[in-house]
Amino acid sequence: EAFASHYAADAVMTDHPGVVTFSGREAIQARYAQAFAARGPAQVVIETRIVSGEYVVDDEAISSARGSARGVVIYRVQNCLITRADYLPFQTAPVPPEPAQ
């Protein structure tokens, strides 16, 4: 819930080039609750942030026990809430298996 509280009730998430993947805060909350449950805790580091008016561009590095990913997200923020999040393709890397002993 805390994650989704940053999104407007009618927010949309898209995959590049603008294909809507989720629409509405409830759908976004359900998607991320499922992802957090499946992947476990994750750490997100914002490597670079550019703010231009109501747009925020983040270069994000995400890591968890299941692997890592890096990508760019373009957010539109209106009235202190995210109204749109456009995800450019992320580069992923699985966690390598531990050597047998």
Protein backbone atom coordinates (compact mmCIF):
# COMPACT_ATOMS: atom_id res chain seq x y z
CA GLU A 1 0.00 0.00 0.00
CA ALA A 2 2.80 2.43 0.86
CA PHE A 3 4.32 1.97 -2.60
CA ALA A 4 1.03 2.55 -4.42
CA SER A 5 0.15 5.58 -2.29
CA HIS A 6 2.56 7.63 -4.42
CA TYR A 7 0.38 7.03 -7.50
CA ALA A 8 -2.76 8.93 -8.52
CA ALA A 9 -6.02 6.96 -8.48
CA ASP A 10 -6.08 7.01 -12.30
CA ALA A 11 -2.33 6.56 -12.87
CA VAL A 12 -1.05 4.45 -15.75
CA MET A 13 2.11 2.40 -16.19
CA THR A 14 3.44 1.72 -19.66
CA ASP A 15 6.15 -0.34 -21.27
CA HIS A 16 8.05 1.35 -24.06
CA PRO A 17 6.76 2.42 -26.59
CA GLY A 18 3.69 3.40 -24.59
CA VAL A 19 1.76 0.13 -24.25
CA VAL A 20 -0.37 0.48 -21.11
CA THR A 21 0.39 -2.42 -18.76
CA PHE A 22 -1.50 -1.25 -15.65
CA SER A 23 -4.14 1.38 -15.14
CA GLY A 24 -5.28 2.71 -11.77
CA ARG A 25 -3.72 2.72 -8.31
CA GLU A 26 -5.48 -0.52 -7.28
CA ALA A 27 -4.06 -2.42 -10.29
CA ILE A 28 -0.59 -0.98 -9.62
CA GLN A 29 -0.83 -1.97 -5.95
CA ALA A 30 -1.92 -5.52 -6.83
CA ARG A 31 0.90 -5.91 -9.38
CA TYR A 32 3.61 -4.76 -6.99
CA ALA A 33 2.23 -6.74 -4.04
CA GLN A 34 2.45 -9.86 -6.21
CA ALA A 35 5.96 -8.95 -7.41
CA PHE A 36 7.24 -8.23 -3.88
CA ALA A 37 5.75 -11.51 -2.62
CA ALA A 38 7.35 -13.52 -5.44
CA ARG A 39 10.78 -11.87 -5.39
CA GLY A 40 11.22 -11.03 -1.73
CA PRO A 41 12.89 -7.84 -0.53
CA ALA A 42 14.56 -5.68 -3.14
CA GLN A 43 16.78 -2.64 -3.04
CA VAL A 44 16.36 0.18 -5.54
CA VAL A 45 19.13 2.73 -6.00
CA ILE A 46 18.46 5.80 -8.10
CA GLU A 47 21.77 6.25 -9.92
CA THR A 48 20.73 9.44 -11.72
CA ARG A 49 17.65 11.64 -11.45
CA ILE A 50 16.67 14.44 -13.82
CA VAL A 51 13.74 16.70 -12.96
CA SER A 52 12.17 18.93 -15.59
CA GLY A 53 8.89 20.52 -14.56
CA GLU A 54 6.38 17.75 -13.88
CA TYR A 55 8.65 15.05 -15.36
CA VAL A 56 11.19 12.97 -13.44
CA VAL A 57 13.61 10.65 -15.24
CA ASP A 58 15.26 8.01 -13.04
CA ASP A 59 18.09 5.65 -13.92
CA GLU A 60 17.38 2.83 -11.46
CA ALA A 61 19.46 -0.13 -10.29
CA ILE A 62 17.41 -2.88 -8.61
CA SER A 63 18.85 -5.86 -6.76
CA SER A 64 17.32 -8.79 -4.92
CA ALA A 65 18.16 -12.38 -4.06
CA ARG A 66 16.86 -13.36 -7.52
CA GLY A 67 19.12 -11.06 -9.54
CA SER A 68 19.53 -7.48 -10.63
CA ALA A 69 18.12 -5.10 -13.19
CA ARG A 70 18.87 -1.65 -14.44
CA GLY A 71 16.65 0.65 -16.39
CA VAL A 72 15.12 4.04 -16.95
CA VAL A 73 11.68 5.15 -15.83
CA ILE A 74 10.05 8.43 -16.86
CA TYR A 75 7.50 9.64 -14.32
CA ARG A 76 4.94 12.39 -14.72
CA VAL A 77 4.10 13.93 -11.35
CA GLN A 78 1.05 16.14 -10.87
CA ASN A 79 -0.25 17.43 -7.53
CA CYS A 80 2.50 15.44 -5.75
CA LEU A 81 1.32 12.09 -7.21
CA ILE A 82 2.66 9.98 -10.06
CA THR A 83 0.11 10.08 -12.89
CA ARG A 84 2.16 8.15 -15.42
CA ALA A 85 5.21 5.88 -15.34
CA ASP A 86 6.85 4.94 -18.64
CA TYR A 87 9.29 2.03 -18.31
CA LEU A 88 12.02 1.73 -20.91
CA PRO A 89 13.37 -1.82 -21.40
CA PHE A 90 15.34 -2.97 -18.34
CA GLN A 91 18.56 -4.95 -18.56
CA THR A 92 18.43 -7.94 -16.20
CA ALA A 93 21.02 -10.29 -14.76
CA PRO A 94 20.19 -13.42 -12.73
CA VAL A 95 22.14 -14.25 -9.59
CA PRO A 96 24.83 -16.79 -10.52
CA PRO A 97 24.53 -20.16 -8.77
CA GLU A 98 26.82 -20.73 -5.81
CA PRO A 99 29.68 -23.14 -6.49
CA ALA A 100 29.18 -26.70 -5.29
CA GLN A 101 31.29 -27.69 -2.30
